[in-house]
Amino acid sequence: MRDAPLTGDRVPGRQVRAAFDARTVTVYQAYSPAIAEPAVAAGRFVSPFKFDRMTWIKPSFLWMMYRSGWATKPDQERVLAVSITRDGFEWTVSIADVTRFAHEIRGLAAAGDEAAVSARLSAELPYPLPVEIRSVIGAA
């Protein structure tokens, strides 16, 4: 499938390029061998991978290659292809920047205004994960 015909039409400057099917999108991430090798052996992320660590996924293989220095940068020597659901992928691209809100909350917390902090925060409850996902992330 082509985004623009070969007639000289301009290709959009912002687009997501990815390998996908009706159910999943393949994303790429570069890791150290210490993280990648156990993950590949287990078929899922396991220790020493940390689920509370921020990670940057790339849906484009070539973009991941560029960012990882063609898998030569330290701790980026192994590039993994990870299939995630389309719903999961679409969730990642719907993320909003809440940095200003975080700064506001930090200021209120630093001032000791716990009531104002609590009033501004949304209620967060344990999310009911399916058993197969709980086992993948090591949740009880």
N, C-alpha and C. Protein backbone atom coordinates (compact mmCIF):
# COMPACT_ATOMS: atom_id res chain seq x y z
N MET A 1 0.85 -1.17 0.00
CA MET A 1 0.00 0.00 0.00
C MET A 1 0.90 1.23 0.00
N ARG A 2 0.60 2.20 -0.84
CA ARG A 2 1.39 3.43 -0.91
C ARG A 2 0.57 4.58 -0.34
N ASP A 3 1.29 5.48 0.34
CA ASP A 3 0.62 6.66 0.89
C ASP A 3 0.41 7.73 -0.18
N ALA A 4 1.28 7.75 -1.18
CA ALA A 4 1.15 8.75 -2.24
C ALA A 4 1.49 8.07 -3.55
N PRO A 5 0.73 8.36 -4.58
CA PRO A 5 1.05 7.76 -5.88
C PRO A 5 2.39 8.28 -6.40
N LEU A 6 2.92 7.62 -7.39
CA LEU A 6 4.21 7.99 -7.95
C LEU A 6 4.11 9.18 -8.89
N THR A 7 3.07 9.97 -8.77
CA THR A 7 2.86 11.10 -9.68
C THR A 7 3.45 12.39 -9.14
N GLY A 8 4.27 12.31 -8.09
CA GLY A 8 4.87 13.50 -7.53
C GLY A 8 4.06 14.11 -6.40
N ASP A 9 2.95 13.47 -6.00
CA ASP A 9 2.19 13.98 -4.86
C ASP A 9 3.07 14.00 -3.62
N ARG A 10 2.88 15.01 -2.83
CA ARG A 10 3.69 15.16 -1.62
C ARG A 10 3.28 14.12 -0.58
N VAL A 11 4.27 13.45 0.02
CA VAL A 11 4.02 12.51 1.11
C VAL A 11 3.87 13.32 2.39
N PRO A 12 2.87 13.02 3.20
CA PRO A 12 2.68 13.79 4.44
C PRO A 12 3.95 13.81 5.28
N GLY A 13 4.24 14.95 5.91
CA GLY A 13 5.42 15.07 6.75
C GLY A 13 5.30 14.30 8.04
N ARG A 14 4.09 14.11 8.53
CA ARG A 14 3.87 13.37 9.76
C ARG A 14 2.96 12.19 9.44
N GLN A 15 3.49 11.03 9.68
CA GLN A 15 2.72 9.82 9.45
C GLN A 15 3.33 8.71 10.29
N VAL A 16 2.56 7.69 10.52
CA VAL A 16 3.06 6.50 11.20
C VAL A 16 3.24 5.44 10.15
N ARG A 17 4.46 4.93 10.06
CA ARG A 17 4.77 3.84 9.14
C ARG A 17 5.02 2.62 9.99
N ALA A 18 4.33 1.53 9.69
CA ALA A 18 4.44 0.35 10.55
C ALA A 18 4.08 -0.91 9.78
N ALA A 19 4.58 -2.03 10.27
CA ALA A 19 4.11 -3.35 9.81
C ALA A 19 2.93 -3.70 10.70
N PHE A 20 1.79 -4.04 10.10
CA PHE A 20 0.60 -4.32 10.89
C PHE A 20 -0.31 -5.27 10.15
N ASP A 21 -1.23 -5.86 10.91
CA ASP A 21 -2.30 -6.65 10.32
C ASP A 21 -3.60 -6.24 11.01
N ALA A 22 -4.64 -7.01 10.84
CA ALA A 22 -5.94 -6.63 11.40
C ALA A 22 -5.94 -6.59 12.92
N ARG A 23 -5.03 -7.33 13.55
CA ARG A 23 -5.03 -7.45 15.01
C ARG A 23 -3.86 -6.78 15.72
N THR A 24 -2.69 -6.72 15.08
CA THR A 24 -1.50 -6.26 15.78
C THR A 24 -0.71 -5.23 14.96
N VAL A 25 0.14 -4.51 15.67
CA VAL A 25 1.12 -3.61 15.09
C VAL A 25 2.47 -4.06 15.63
N THR A 26 3.47 -4.14 14.76
CA THR A 26 4.81 -4.49 15.21
C THR A 26 5.56 -3.21 15.51
N VAL A 27 6.11 -3.14 16.73
CA VAL A 27 6.93 -2.00 17.12
C VAL A 27 8.33 -2.51 17.41
N TYR A 28 9.28 -1.62 17.45
CA TYR A 28 10.68 -2.00 17.63
C TYR A 28 11.28 -1.23 18.80
N GLN A 29 12.18 -1.89 19.50
CA GLN A 29 12.89 -1.25 20.60
C GLN A 29 14.27 -1.84 20.68
N ALA A 30 15.25 -1.00 20.95
CA ALA A 30 16.63 -1.45 21.08
C ALA A 30 16.96 -1.65 22.56
N TYR A 31 17.62 -2.75 22.85
CA TYR A 31 17.98 -3.11 24.22
C TYR A 31 19.41 -3.61 24.28
N SER A 32 19.91 -3.69 25.49
CA SER A 32 21.20 -4.34 25.72
C SER A 32 21.00 -5.84 25.58
N PRO A 33 22.07 -6.58 25.29
CA PRO A 33 21.94 -8.04 25.23
C PRO A 33 21.42 -8.63 26.55
N ALA A 34 21.75 -8.00 27.68
CA ALA A 34 21.32 -8.51 28.98
C ALA A 34 19.80 -8.51 29.12
N ILE A 35 19.12 -7.58 28.46
CA ILE A 35 17.66 -7.52 28.49
C ILE A 35 17.08 -8.32 27.33
N ALA A 36 17.64 -8.17 26.15
CA ALA A 36 17.07 -8.79 24.95
C ALA A 36 17.14 -10.31 24.97
N GLU A 37 18.27 -10.87 25.36
CA GLU A 37 18.42 -12.33 25.30
C GLU A 37 17.43 -13.07 26.18
N PRO A 38 17.23 -12.69 27.46
CA PRO A 38 16.20 -13.36 28.26
C PRO A 38 14.79 -13.16 27.71
N ALA A 39 14.52 -11.98 27.14
CA ALA A 39 13.19 -11.71 26.58
C ALA A 39 12.92 -12.62 25.38
N VAL A 40 13.91 -12.75 24.50
CA VAL A 40 13.73 -13.61 23.33
C VAL A 40 13.57 -15.06 23.76
N ALA A 41 14.37 -15.51 24.71
CA ALA A 41 14.28 -16.90 25.18
C ALA A 41 12.92 -17.20 25.80
N ALA A 42 12.37 -16.22 26.54
CA ALA A 42 11.08 -16.43 27.21
C ALA A 42 9.89 -16.10 26.31
N GLY A 43 10.13 -15.36 25.23
CA GLY A 43 9.03 -14.94 24.37
C GLY A 43 8.21 -13.82 24.97
N ARG A 44 8.76 -13.17 25.98
CA ARG A 44 8.11 -12.04 26.65
C ARG A 44 9.17 -11.32 27.47
N PHE A 45 8.87 -10.13 27.94
CA PHE A 45 9.84 -9.40 28.75
C PHE A 45 9.92 -9.99 30.15
N VAL A 46 11.13 -10.30 30.57
CA VAL A 46 11.40 -10.85 31.90
C VAL A 46 12.59 -10.10 32.49
N SER A 47 12.88 -10.36 33.74
CA SER A 47 14.03 -9.74 34.39
C SER A 47 15.29 -10.01 33.57
N PRO A 48 16.12 -9.00 33.39
CA PRO A 48 16.23 -7.74 34.13
C PRO A 48 15.41 -6.58 33.55
N PHE A 49 14.53 -6.83 32.56
CA PHE A 49 13.65 -5.78 32.06
C PHE A 49 12.80 -5.29 33.22
N LYS A 50 12.60 -3.98 33.30
CA LYS A 50 11.79 -3.39 34.36
C LYS A 50 10.56 -2.74 33.75
N PHE A 51 9.40 -3.20 34.18
CA PHE A 51 8.15 -2.67 33.63
C PHE A 51 7.85 -1.25 34.10
N ASP A 52 8.54 -0.79 35.13
CA ASP A 52 8.31 0.58 35.59
C ASP A 52 9.28 1.56 34.94
N ARG A 53 10.05 1.11 33.97
CA ARG A 53 11.02 1.94 33.26
C ARG A 53 10.36 2.48 31.98
N MET A 54 10.60 3.75 31.70
CA MET A 54 10.09 4.33 30.46
C MET A 54 10.84 3.72 29.29
N THR A 55 10.13 3.41 28.25
CA THR A 55 10.77 2.88 27.04
C THR A 55 10.19 3.60 25.84
N TRP A 56 10.97 3.73 24.80
CA TRP A 56 10.53 4.41 23.59
C TRP A 56 10.40 3.40 22.47
N ILE A 57 9.20 3.20 22.00
CA ILE A 57 8.98 2.27 20.90
C ILE A 57 8.98 3.03 19.59
N LYS A 58 9.34 2.33 18.54
CA LYS A 58 9.30 2.90 17.19
C LYS A 58 8.52 1.94 16.31
N PRO A 59 7.49 2.41 15.61
CA PRO A 59 6.78 1.52 14.70
C PRO A 59 7.51 1.30 13.38
N SER A 60 8.50 2.11 13.10
CA SER A 60 9.25 1.99 11.86
C SER A 60 10.59 1.32 12.12
N PHE A 61 10.85 0.23 11.45
CA PHE A 61 12.11 -0.48 11.60
C PHE A 61 13.29 0.43 11.25
N LEU A 62 13.19 1.16 10.14
CA LEU A 62 14.31 2.02 9.75
C LEU A 62 14.54 3.16 10.73
N TRP A 63 13.47 3.70 11.30
CA TRP A 63 13.65 4.75 12.29
C TRP A 63 14.35 4.19 13.53
N MET A 64 13.98 2.98 13.93
CA MET A 64 14.65 2.35 15.08
C MET A 64 16.12 2.12 14.77
N MET A 65 16.41 1.71 13.54
CA MET A 65 17.80 1.49 13.17
C MET A 65 18.60 2.80 13.24
N TYR A 66 18.02 3.87 12.76
CA TYR A 66 18.68 5.17 12.81
C TYR A 66 18.93 5.57 14.27
N ARG A 67 17.90 5.49 15.10
CA ARG A 67 18.01 5.93 16.50
C ARG A 67 18.99 5.09 17.30
N SER A 68 19.13 3.81 16.96
CA SER A 68 20.04 2.94 17.71
C SER A 68 21.44 2.88 17.08
N GLY A 69 21.68 3.72 16.09
CA GLY A 69 22.97 3.69 15.42
C GLY A 69 23.20 2.36 14.71
N TRP A 70 22.12 1.85 14.10
CA TRP A 70 22.16 0.55 13.43
C TRP A 70 22.61 -0.53 14.39
N ALA A 71 22.00 -0.48 15.60
CA ALA A 71 22.25 -1.47 16.66
C ALA A 71 23.71 -1.49 17.09
N THR A 72 24.33 -0.29 17.14
CA THR A 72 25.72 -0.21 17.58
C THR A 72 25.90 0.67 18.82
N LYS A 73 24.89 1.47 19.20
CA LYS A 73 25.03 2.31 20.38
C LYS A 73 25.06 1.42 21.63
N PRO A 74 25.79 1.83 22.66
CA PRO A 74 25.83 1.05 23.90
C PRO A 74 24.43 0.83 24.47
N ASP A 75 24.16 -0.39 24.88
CA ASP A 75 22.87 -0.82 25.44
C ASP A 75 21.74 -0.78 24.42
N GLN A 76 22.07 -0.68 23.13
CA GLN A 76 21.08 -0.73 22.06
C GLN A 76 21.54 -1.68 20.96
N GLU A 77 22.34 -2.67 21.35
CA GLU A 77 22.93 -3.58 20.37
C GLU A 77 21.97 -4.64 19.87
N ARG A 78 20.85 -4.82 20.54
CA ARG A 78 19.85 -5.80 20.11
C ARG A 78 18.54 -5.08 19.86
N VAL A 79 17.95 -5.29 18.69
CA VAL A 79 16.68 -4.66 18.34
C VAL A 79 15.61 -5.75 18.31
N LEU A 80 14.57 -5.56 19.10
CA LEU A 80 13.49 -6.53 19.17
C LEU A 80 12.27 -6.01 18.42
N ALA A 81 11.60 -6.93 17.73
CA ALA A 81 10.30 -6.65 17.12
C ALA A 81 9.25 -7.18 18.09
N VAL A 82 8.34 -6.32 18.50
CA VAL A 82 7.33 -6.68 19.49
C VAL A 82 5.96 -6.45 18.88
N SER A 83 5.13 -7.49 18.86
CA SER A 83 3.76 -7.35 18.36
C SER A 83 2.87 -6.93 19.51
N ILE A 84 2.16 -5.82 19.31
CA ILE A 84 1.18 -5.37 20.30
C ILE A 84 -0.16 -5.23 19.60
N THR A 85 -1.22 -5.27 20.38
CA THR A 85 -2.55 -5.15 19.78
C THR A 85 -2.70 -3.75 19.18
N ARG A 86 -3.55 -3.67 18.20
CA ARG A 86 -3.81 -2.35 17.60
C ARG A 86 -4.41 -1.41 18.64
N ASP A 87 -5.29 -1.94 19.52
CA ASP A 87 -5.84 -1.10 20.58
C ASP A 87 -4.72 -0.56 21.46
N GLY A 88 -3.76 -1.42 21.81
CA GLY A 88 -2.63 -0.99 22.63
C GLY A 88 -1.80 0.06 21.93
N PHE A 89 -1.57 -0.12 20.65
CA PHE A 89 -0.79 0.86 19.89
C PHE A 89 -1.54 2.18 19.80
N GLU A 90 -2.83 2.12 19.50
CA GLU A 90 -3.61 3.35 19.38
C GLU A 90 -3.69 4.08 20.71
N TRP A 91 -3.64 3.33 21.81
CA TRP A 91 -3.58 3.96 23.13
C TRP A 91 -2.29 4.77 23.27
N THR A 92 -1.18 4.21 22.80
CA THR A 92 0.09 4.91 22.97
C THR A 92 0.13 6.21 22.20
N VAL A 93 -0.54 6.30 21.08
CA VAL A 93 -0.51 7.54 20.31
C VAL A 93 -1.59 8.53 20.75
N SER A 94 -2.37 8.17 21.76
CA SER A 94 -3.37 9.09 22.27
C SER A 94 -2.91 9.74 23.58
N ILE A 95 -1.66 9.59 23.93
CA ILE A 95 -1.13 10.11 25.18
C ILE A 95 -1.04 11.63 25.12
N ALA A 96 -1.43 12.26 26.20
CA ALA A 96 -1.39 13.73 26.28
C ALA A 96 -0.21 14.17 27.14
N ASP A 97 0.34 15.33 26.86
CA ASP A 97 1.42 15.90 27.64
C ASP A 97 0.82 16.61 28.85
N VAL A 98 1.11 16.12 30.04
CA VAL A 98 0.58 16.70 31.27
C VAL A 98 1.68 17.35 32.10
N THR A 99 2.75 17.78 31.44
CA THR A 99 3.89 18.35 32.15
C THR A 99 3.49 19.59 32.96
N ARG A 100 2.73 20.49 32.36
CA ARG A 100 2.31 21.70 33.10
C ARG A 100 1.49 21.31 34.33
N PHE A 101 0.61 20.32 34.17
CA PHE A 101 -0.19 19.85 35.29
C PHE A 101 0.73 19.25 36.37
N ALA A 102 1.74 18.48 35.95
CA ALA A 102 2.68 17.90 36.90
C ALA A 102 3.42 18.99 37.69
N HIS A 103 3.81 20.07 37.01
CA HIS A 103 4.49 21.18 37.69
C HIS A 103 3.54 21.85 38.70
N GLU A 104 2.28 21.99 38.31
CA GLU A 104 1.29 22.57 39.22
C GLU A 104 1.14 21.71 40.46
N ILE A 105 0.99 20.41 40.28
CA ILE A 105 0.83 19.48 41.41
C ILE A 105 2.08 19.51 42.29
N ARG A 106 3.24 19.54 41.67
CA ARG A 106 4.49 19.60 42.44
C ARG A 106 4.52 20.85 43.31
N GLY A 107 4.12 21.99 42.75
CA GLY A 107 4.10 23.23 43.53
C GLY A 107 3.14 23.14 44.71
N LEU A 108 1.97 22.58 44.48
CA LEU A 108 1.00 22.42 45.56
C LEU A 108 1.52 21.48 46.64
N ALA A 109 2.15 20.39 46.20
CA ALA A 109 2.70 19.42 47.15
C ALA A 109 3.84 20.04 47.95
N ALA A 110 4.71 20.80 47.28
CA ALA A 110 5.83 21.45 47.96
C ALA A 110 5.34 22.47 48.98
N ALA A 111 4.19 23.08 48.70
CA ALA A 111 3.60 24.06 49.62
C ALA A 111 2.84 23.38 50.74
N GLY A 112 2.74 22.05 50.68
CA GLY A 112 2.03 21.31 51.73
C GLY A 112 0.52 21.32 51.58
N ASP A 113 0.01 21.69 50.43
CA ASP A 113 -1.43 21.79 50.21
C ASP A 113 -1.99 20.45 49.71
N GLU A 114 -2.05 19.48 50.62
CA GLU A 114 -2.50 18.14 50.26
C GLU A 114 -3.94 18.12 49.76
N ALA A 115 -4.80 18.96 50.32
CA ALA A 115 -6.19 19.01 49.89
C ALA A 115 -6.30 19.43 48.43
N ALA A 116 -5.51 20.43 48.04
CA ALA A 116 -5.55 20.91 46.65
C ALA A 116 -4.99 19.84 45.71
N VAL A 117 -3.96 19.15 46.15
CA VAL A 117 -3.40 18.07 45.33
C VAL A 117 -4.46 16.99 45.13
N SER A 118 -5.07 16.53 46.20
CA SER A 118 -6.09 15.47 46.12
C SER A 118 -7.27 15.89 45.26
N ALA A 119 -7.68 17.16 45.36
CA ALA A 119 -8.83 17.65 44.59
C ALA A 119 -8.54 17.64 43.09
N ARG A 120 -7.29 17.79 42.70
CA ARG A 120 -6.94 17.87 41.27
C ARG A 120 -6.62 16.51 40.64
N LEU A 121 -6.34 15.51 41.46
CA LEU A 121 -5.96 14.21 40.91
C LEU A 121 -7.17 13.33 40.64
N SER A 122 -7.12 12.59 39.57
CA SER A 122 -8.17 11.63 39.25
C SER A 122 -8.02 10.41 40.14
N ALA A 123 -9.12 9.78 40.45
CA ALA A 123 -9.07 8.54 41.22
C ALA A 123 -8.40 7.45 40.38
N GLU A 124 -7.42 6.79 40.95
CA GLU A 124 -6.74 5.69 40.27
C GLU A 124 -6.99 4.41 41.06
N LEU A 125 -7.52 3.44 40.37
CA LEU A 125 -7.87 2.16 40.98
C LEU A 125 -7.08 1.05 40.30
N PRO A 126 -6.90 -0.08 40.97
CA PRO A 126 -6.24 -1.20 40.29
C PRO A 126 -7.03 -1.60 39.04
N TYR A 127 -6.34 -1.71 37.92
CA TYR A 127 -6.97 -2.06 36.66
C TYR A 127 -7.10 -3.58 36.58
N PRO A 128 -8.29 -4.10 36.24
CA PRO A 128 -8.49 -5.55 36.19
C PRO A 128 -7.86 -6.17 34.93
N LEU A 129 -6.67 -6.70 35.08
CA LEU A 129 -5.96 -7.29 33.93
C LEU A 129 -6.38 -8.73 33.72
N PRO A 130 -6.50 -9.17 32.47
CA PRO A 130 -6.74 -10.59 32.19
C PRO A 130 -5.56 -11.42 32.72
N VAL A 131 -5.82 -12.67 33.07
CA VAL A 131 -4.81 -13.55 33.64
C VAL A 131 -3.58 -13.63 32.77
N GLU A 132 -3.75 -13.75 31.44
CA GLU A 132 -2.58 -13.91 30.56
C GLU A 132 -1.69 -12.67 30.58
N ILE A 133 -2.25 -11.49 30.74
CA ILE A 133 -1.44 -10.28 30.82
C ILE A 133 -0.79 -10.18 32.19
N ARG A 134 -1.51 -10.53 33.25
CA ARG A 134 -0.90 -10.52 34.59
C ARG A 134 0.32 -11.41 34.63
N SER A 135 0.25 -12.57 33.99
CA SER A 135 1.40 -13.47 34.01
C SER A 135 2.57 -12.90 33.21
N VAL A 136 2.28 -12.18 32.12
CA VAL A 136 3.35 -11.60 31.30
C VAL A 136 4.10 -10.52 32.08
N ILE A 137 3.38 -9.70 32.83
CA ILE A 137 4.04 -8.61 33.55
C ILE A 137 4.44 -8.99 34.97
N GLY A 138 4.14 -10.23 35.38
CA GLY A 138 4.54 -10.68 36.72
C GLY A 138 3.68 -10.14 37.84
N ALA A 139 2.43 -9.77 37.53
CA ALA A 139 1.52 -9.27 38.56
C ALA A 139 0.82 -10.45 39.23
N ALA A 140 0.48 -10.27 40.47
CA ALA A 140 -0.20 -11.33 41.23
C ALA A 140 -1.63 -11.51 40.77
